[in-house]
Amino acid sequence: MTKLTAVYLTKTLHVLAALTRTDPPQGDEPVSALIGTGLPVRFIGQLPVNVTFHATDLSAVTVDDQPDVLVNRQNYQVAPDPKTQALQVTAVGPTNLVTPAIVSASSATIQVALPTPVPAIVVLQQLTPVSPPPFIKSLLTIPFVPTPVLGASAFAPGDVWNMYVLVLGLPPVSQKFTV
């Protein structure tokens, strides 16, 4: 019987990588045994990205095989079973609950249509002019009101950016914007 090993962000629980195995090791396995020091990610949501998440921000869990996770891994999360508290891989909630939005050309803000604060990771990648590696806002709690991500000094008129938002319990959302 095959098993599924999922590598996930520990702060938002999103599955970023998955593999099936016929004979996984018993017990806990350090994520670094699977990915080394970091996991390169090429898509978040619907847009391409070139970002590497450090192994210290990731964990791994092995569960019964679920073939859909291999195809749509970012639509899954790791969460404790309500009865046993054992970690399991489950589908995330509907996409219409979170909408990233750039509400000003002088600073980036994220606007979330949720009634309570939510943990999130925000990745901003400058497309033009070509920039250094993406800026990762490691963890912030996004409230109902717009939340600043980067100050005005980070943006120049005409710059093109991609914004990726990973919110706990929801599918990732991505958006391209021009300052």
C-alpha atoms as a PDB file:
ATOM      1  CA  MET A   1       0.000   0.000   0.000  1.00  0.00           C
ATOM      2  CA  THR A   2       1.385   3.405  -0.957  1.00  0.00           C
ATOM      3  CA  LYS A   3       1.591   6.372   1.385  1.00  0.00           C
ATOM      4  CA  LEU A   4       1.578  10.094   0.657  1.00  0.00           C
ATOM      5  CA  THR A   5       4.250  12.333   2.129  1.00  0.00           C
ATOM      6  CA  ALA A   6       3.307  16.010   2.092  1.00  0.00           C
ATOM      7  CA  VAL A   7       5.763  18.878   2.651  1.00  0.00           C
ATOM      8  CA  TYR A   8       3.892  21.880   4.032  1.00  0.00           C
ATOM      9  CA  LEU A   9       4.349  25.408   5.391  1.00  0.00           C
ATOM     10  CA  THR A  10       4.192  25.147   9.168  1.00  0.00           C
ATOM     11  CA  LYS A  11       2.605  28.594   9.613  1.00  0.00           C
ATOM     12  CA  THR A  12      -0.256  28.319   7.098  1.00  0.00           C
ATOM     13  CA  LEU A  13      -0.341  24.506   6.673  1.00  0.00           C
ATOM     14  CA  HIS A  14      -0.398  24.672   2.820  1.00  0.00           C
ATOM     15  CA  VAL A  15       0.967  21.609   1.050  1.00  0.00           C
ATOM     16  CA  LEU A  16       3.775  22.755  -1.279  1.00  0.00           C
ATOM     17  CA  ALA A  17       5.114  19.372  -2.389  1.00  0.00           C
ATOM     18  CA  ALA A  18       3.917  15.783  -2.259  1.00  0.00           C
ATOM     19  CA  LEU A  19       5.185  12.353  -3.203  1.00  0.00           C
ATOM     20  CA  THR A  20       3.932   8.805  -2.956  1.00  0.00           C
ATOM     21  CA  ARG A  21       6.062   6.116  -1.342  1.00  0.00           C
ATOM     22  CA  THR A  22       5.692   2.374  -1.013  1.00  0.00           C
ATOM     23  CA  ASP A  23       7.847   1.979   2.095  1.00  0.00           C
ATOM     24  CA  PRO A  24       8.278   5.260   4.004  1.00  0.00           C
ATOM     25  CA  PRO A  25      10.271   5.292   7.244  1.00  0.00           C
ATOM     26  CA  GLN A  26       8.314   4.731  10.442  1.00  0.00           C
ATOM     27  CA  GLY A  27       7.927   7.687  12.820  1.00  0.00           C
ATOM     28  CA  ASP A  28       8.888  11.299  12.365  1.00  0.00           C
ATOM     29  CA  GLU A  29      11.138  12.212   9.480  1.00  0.00           C
ATOM     30  CA  PRO A  30      12.934  15.568   9.298  1.00  0.00           C
ATOM     31  CA  VAL A  31      11.821  17.607   6.310  1.00  0.00           C
ATOM     32  CA  SER A  32      15.482  18.242   5.459  1.00  0.00           C
ATOM     33  CA  ALA A  33      15.801  14.522   4.615  1.00  0.00           C
ATOM     34  CA  LEU A  34      13.368  15.176   1.739  1.00  0.00           C
ATOM     35  CA  ILE A  35      14.312  18.664   0.523  1.00  0.00           C
ATOM     36  CA  GLY A  36      17.713  19.542   1.929  1.00  0.00           C
ATOM     37  CA  THR A  37      17.941  23.195   3.009  1.00  0.00           C
ATOM     38  CA  GLY A  38      15.036  24.550   0.955  1.00  0.00           C
ATOM     39  CA  LEU A  39      12.126  23.791  -1.357  1.00  0.00           C
ATOM     40  CA  PRO A  40      11.963  25.660  -4.691  1.00  0.00           C
ATOM     41  CA  VAL A  41       8.393  26.568  -5.655  1.00  0.00           C
ATOM     42  CA  ARG A  42       7.507  27.527  -9.232  1.00  0.00           C
ATOM     43  CA  PHE A  43       3.767  28.337  -8.932  1.00  0.00           C
ATOM     44  CA  ILE A  44       1.644  29.825  -6.183  1.00  0.00           C
ATOM     45  CA  GLY A  45      -2.018  30.105  -7.078  1.00  0.00           C
ATOM     46  CA  GLN A  46      -2.333  30.763 -10.811  1.00  0.00           C
ATOM     47  CA  LEU A  47       0.928  32.690 -11.386  1.00  0.00           C
ATOM     48  CA  PRO A  48       4.514  31.498 -11.794  1.00  0.00           C
ATOM     49  CA  VAL A  49       6.983  32.345  -9.036  1.00  0.00           C
ATOM     50  CA  ASN A  50      10.638  31.671  -8.384  1.00  0.00           C
ATOM     51  CA  VAL A  51      10.920  31.341  -4.617  1.00  0.00           C
ATOM     52  CA  THR A  52      12.603  28.908  -2.251  1.00  0.00           C
ATOM     53  CA  PHE A  53      11.071  28.253   1.150  1.00  0.00           C
ATOM     54  CA  HIS A  54      13.697  27.438   3.772  1.00  0.00           C
ATOM     55  CA  ALA A  55      13.492  24.024   5.434  1.00  0.00           C
ATOM     56  CA  THR A  56      13.021  25.684   8.833  1.00  0.00           C
ATOM     57  CA  ASP A  57       9.637  27.021   7.592  1.00  0.00           C
ATOM     58  CA  LEU A  58       8.458  23.582   6.452  1.00  0.00           C
ATOM     59  CA  SER A  59       7.415  20.242   7.922  1.00  0.00           C
ATOM     60  CA  ALA A  60       6.495  16.859   6.462  1.00  0.00           C
ATOM     61  CA  VAL A  61       3.798  14.331   7.280  1.00  0.00           C
ATOM     62  CA  THR A  62       3.101  10.868   5.851  1.00  0.00           C
ATOM     63  CA  VAL A  63      -0.528   9.769   5.541  1.00  0.00           C
ATOM     64  CA  ASP A  64      -2.609   7.320   3.504  1.00  0.00           C
ATOM     65  CA  ASP A  65      -2.295   7.953  -0.242  1.00  0.00           C
ATOM     66  CA  GLN A  66      -4.564  10.613  -1.776  1.00  0.00           C
ATOM     67  CA  PRO A  67      -3.874  10.872  -5.538  1.00  0.00           C
ATOM     68  CA  ASP A  68      -5.546  14.295  -5.975  1.00  0.00           C
ATOM     69  CA  VAL A  69      -2.970  15.890  -3.683  1.00  0.00           C
ATOM     70  CA  LEU A  70      -0.205  15.171  -6.206  1.00  0.00           C
ATOM     71  CA  VAL A  71      -2.067  17.092  -8.926  1.00  0.00           C
ATOM     72  CA  ASN A  72      -3.502  20.011  -6.919  1.00  0.00           C
ATOM     73  CA  ARG A  73      -1.259  20.129  -3.866  1.00  0.00           C
ATOM     74  CA  GLN A  74      -1.785  23.812  -3.034  1.00  0.00           C
ATOM     75  CA  ASN A  75      -5.510  23.154  -2.663  1.00  0.00           C
ATOM     76  CA  TYR A  76      -4.706  20.967   0.339  1.00  0.00           C
ATOM     77  CA  GLN A  77      -3.564  21.632   3.860  1.00  0.00           C
ATOM     78  CA  VAL A  78      -2.299  19.630   6.799  1.00  0.00           C
ATOM     79  CA  ALA A  79      -4.595  19.747   9.811  1.00  0.00           C
ATOM     80  CA  PRO A  80      -5.225  17.694  12.944  1.00  0.00           C
ATOM     81  CA  ASP A  81      -8.070  15.199  12.833  1.00  0.00           C
ATOM     82  CA  PRO A  82     -10.846  16.595  15.080  1.00  0.00           C
ATOM     83  CA  LYS A  83     -11.206  13.272  16.934  1.00  0.00           C
ATOM     84  CA  THR A  84      -7.707  11.800  17.119  1.00  0.00           C
ATOM     85  CA  GLN A  85      -5.590  14.975  16.645  1.00  0.00           C
ATOM     86  CA  ALA A  86      -3.393  12.979  14.234  1.00  0.00           C
ATOM     87  CA  LEU A  87      -2.216  15.081  11.301  1.00  0.00           C
ATOM     88  CA  GLN A  88      -4.084  14.532   8.043  1.00  0.00           C
ATOM     89  CA  VAL A  89      -4.207  16.118   4.586  1.00  0.00           C
ATOM     90  CA  THR A  90      -7.527  17.816   3.790  1.00  0.00           C
ATOM     91  CA  ALA A  91      -8.900  20.197   1.151  1.00  0.00           C
ATOM     92  CA  VAL A  92      -8.735  23.909   1.898  1.00  0.00           C
ATOM     93  CA  GLY A  93     -11.785  26.172   1.946  1.00  0.00           C
ATOM     94  CA  PRO A  94     -13.368  28.071  -0.966  1.00  0.00           C
ATOM     95  CA  THR A  95     -11.344  30.751  -2.800  1.00  0.00           C
ATOM     96  CA  ASN A  96     -13.974  33.454  -2.584  1.00  0.00           C
ATOM     97  CA  LEU A  97     -13.175  34.134   1.081  1.00  0.00           C
ATOM     98  CA  VAL A  98      -9.869  35.875   0.394  1.00  0.00           C
ATOM     99  CA  THR A  99      -9.058  38.502  -2.179  1.00  0.00           C
ATOM    100  CA  PRO A 100      -5.627  40.134  -2.269  1.00  0.00           C
ATOM    101  CA  ALA A 101      -5.814  43.687  -3.491  1.00  0.00           C
ATOM    102  CA  ILE A 102      -3.354  46.470  -4.157  1.00  0.00           C
ATOM    103  CA  VAL A 103      -5.289  49.474  -2.947  1.00  0.00           C
ATOM    104  CA  SER A 104      -2.617  52.118  -3.511  1.00  0.00           C
ATOM    105  CA  ALA A 105       0.246  52.651  -5.944  1.00  0.00           C
ATOM    106  CA  SER A 106       2.451  53.943  -3.128  1.00  0.00           C
ATOM    107  CA  SER A 107       2.239  50.912  -0.868  1.00  0.00           C
ATOM    108  CA  ALA A 108       0.986  47.352  -1.038  1.00  0.00           C
ATOM    109  CA  THR A 109      -1.863  46.300   1.163  1.00  0.00           C
ATOM    110  CA  ILE A 110      -3.762  43.076   1.440  1.00  0.00           C
ATOM    111  CA  GLN A 111      -7.505  43.221   1.916  1.00  0.00           C
ATOM    112  CA  VAL A 112      -9.148  40.107   3.322  1.00  0.00           C
ATOM    113  CA  ALA A 113     -12.918  39.614   3.438  1.00  0.00           C
ATOM    114  CA  LEU A 114     -12.988  37.646   6.692  1.00  0.00           C
ATOM    115  CA  PRO A 115     -14.561  38.604  10.001  1.00  0.00           C
ATOM    116  CA  THR A 116     -11.579  37.561  12.144  1.00  0.00           C
ATOM    117  CA  PRO A 117      -7.769  37.929  11.864  1.00  0.00           C
ATOM    118  CA  VAL A 118      -6.055  35.125   9.907  1.00  0.00           C
ATOM    119  CA  PRO A 119      -2.398  33.966   9.720  1.00  0.00           C
ATOM    120  CA  ALA A 120      -0.923  34.467   6.251  1.00  0.00           C
ATOM    121  CA  ILE A 121       2.338  34.461   4.315  1.00  0.00           C
ATOM    122  CA  VAL A 122       2.741  37.065   1.575  1.00  0.00           C
ATOM    123  CA  VAL A 123       5.311  36.786  -1.213  1.00  0.00           C
ATOM    124  CA  LEU A 124       6.015  39.776  -3.476  1.00  0.00           C
ATOM    125  CA  GLN A 125       8.101  39.252  -6.605  1.00  0.00           C
ATOM    126  CA  GLN A 126       9.169  42.166  -8.750  1.00  0.00           C
ATOM    127  CA  LEU A 127       8.934  41.278 -12.453  1.00  0.00           C
ATOM    128  CA  THR A 128      10.133  44.502 -14.125  1.00  0.00           C
ATOM    129  CA  PRO A 129      12.712  45.686 -13.714  1.00  0.00           C
ATOM    130  CA  VAL A 130      14.132  42.275 -12.809  1.00  0.00           C
ATOM    131  CA  SER A 131      14.815  42.167  -9.101  1.00  0.00           C
ATOM    132  CA  PRO A 132      16.689  40.040  -6.587  1.00  0.00           C
ATOM    133  CA  PRO A 133      14.869  37.053  -5.049  1.00  0.00           C
ATOM    134  CA  PRO A 134      11.253  37.604  -3.969  1.00  0.00           C
ATOM    135  CA  PHE A 135      10.417  39.384  -0.746  1.00  0.00           C
ATOM    136  CA  ILE A 136       8.710  36.997   1.678  1.00  0.00           C
ATOM    137  CA  LYS A 137       6.687  38.479   4.515  1.00  0.00           C
ATOM    138  CA  SER A 138       7.168  35.411   6.669  1.00  0.00           C
ATOM    139  CA  LEU A 139       4.039  35.553   8.795  1.00  0.00           C
ATOM    140  CA  LEU A 140       1.539  38.236   9.497  1.00  0.00           C
ATOM    141  CA  THR A 141      -1.957  38.232  10.817  1.00  0.00           C
ATOM    142  CA  ILE A 142      -4.244  39.863   8.300  1.00  0.00           C
ATOM    143  CA  PRO A 143      -7.226  41.581   9.896  1.00  0.00           C
ATOM    144  CA  PHE A 144     -10.434  42.679   8.196  1.00  0.00           C
ATOM    145  CA  VAL A 145      -8.956  46.104   7.353  1.00  0.00           C
ATOM    146  CA  PRO A 146      -6.182  46.560   4.731  1.00  0.00           C
ATOM    147  CA  THR A 147      -2.784  45.552   6.106  1.00  0.00           C
ATOM    148  CA  PRO A 148       0.500  47.123   4.889  1.00  0.00           C
ATOM    149  CA  VAL A 149       2.992  44.632   3.466  1.00  0.00           C
ATOM    150  CA  LEU A 150       5.760  46.880   2.105  1.00  0.00           C
ATOM    151  CA  GLY A 151       6.243  50.626   2.494  1.00  0.00           C
ATOM    152  CA  ALA A 152       6.182  53.168  -0.316  1.00  0.00           C
ATOM    153  CA  SER A 153       9.994  53.083  -0.729  1.00  0.00           C
ATOM    154  CA  ALA A 154       9.785  49.580  -2.230  1.00  0.00           C
ATOM    155  CA  PHE A 155       7.693  50.656  -5.220  1.00  0.00           C
ATOM    156  CA  ALA A 156       8.571  52.801  -8.237  1.00  0.00           C
ATOM    157  CA  PRO A 157       6.060  53.945 -10.868  1.00  0.00           C
ATOM    158  CA  GLY A 158       5.846  51.463 -13.753  1.00  0.00           C
ATOM    159  CA  ASP A 159       7.233  48.526 -11.785  1.00  0.00           C
ATOM    160  CA  VAL A 160       5.376  45.240 -12.362  1.00  0.00           C
ATOM    161  CA  TRP A 161       4.939  42.852  -9.425  1.00  0.00           C
ATOM    162  CA  ASN A 162       3.299  39.542  -8.623  1.00  0.00           C
ATOM    163  CA  MET A 163       1.739  39.137  -5.194  1.00  0.00           C
ATOM    164  CA  TYR A 164       1.072  35.697  -3.709  1.00  0.00           C
ATOM    165  CA  VAL A 165      -0.987  35.240  -0.548  1.00  0.00           C
ATOM    166  CA  LEU A 166      -1.162  31.993   1.437  1.00  0.00           C
ATOM    167  CA  VAL A 167      -3.875  32.283   4.086  1.00  0.00           C
ATOM    168  CA  LEU A 168      -4.446  29.596   6.692  1.00  0.00           C
ATOM    169  CA  GLY A 169      -7.272  27.297   5.571  1.00  0.00           C
ATOM    170  CA  LEU A 170      -7.726  28.828   2.107  1.00  0.00           C
ATOM    171  CA  PRO A 171      -6.271  28.155  -1.347  1.00  0.00           C
ATOM    172  CA  PRO A 172      -3.364  30.409  -2.368  1.00  0.00           C
ATOM    173  CA  VAL A 173      -4.264  33.529  -4.325  1.00  0.00           C
ATOM    174  CA  SER A 174      -2.014  35.379  -6.744  1.00  0.00           C
ATOM    175  CA  GLN A 175      -2.303  38.720  -8.508  1.00  0.00           C
ATOM    176  CA  LYS A 176      -0.182  40.712 -10.958  1.00  0.00           C
ATOM    177  CA  PHE A 177      -0.087  44.489 -10.527  1.00  0.00           C
ATOM    178  CA  THR A 178       1.656  47.552 -11.950  1.00  0.00           C
ATOM    179  CA  VAL A 179       2.601  50.460  -9.709  1.00  0.00           C
END
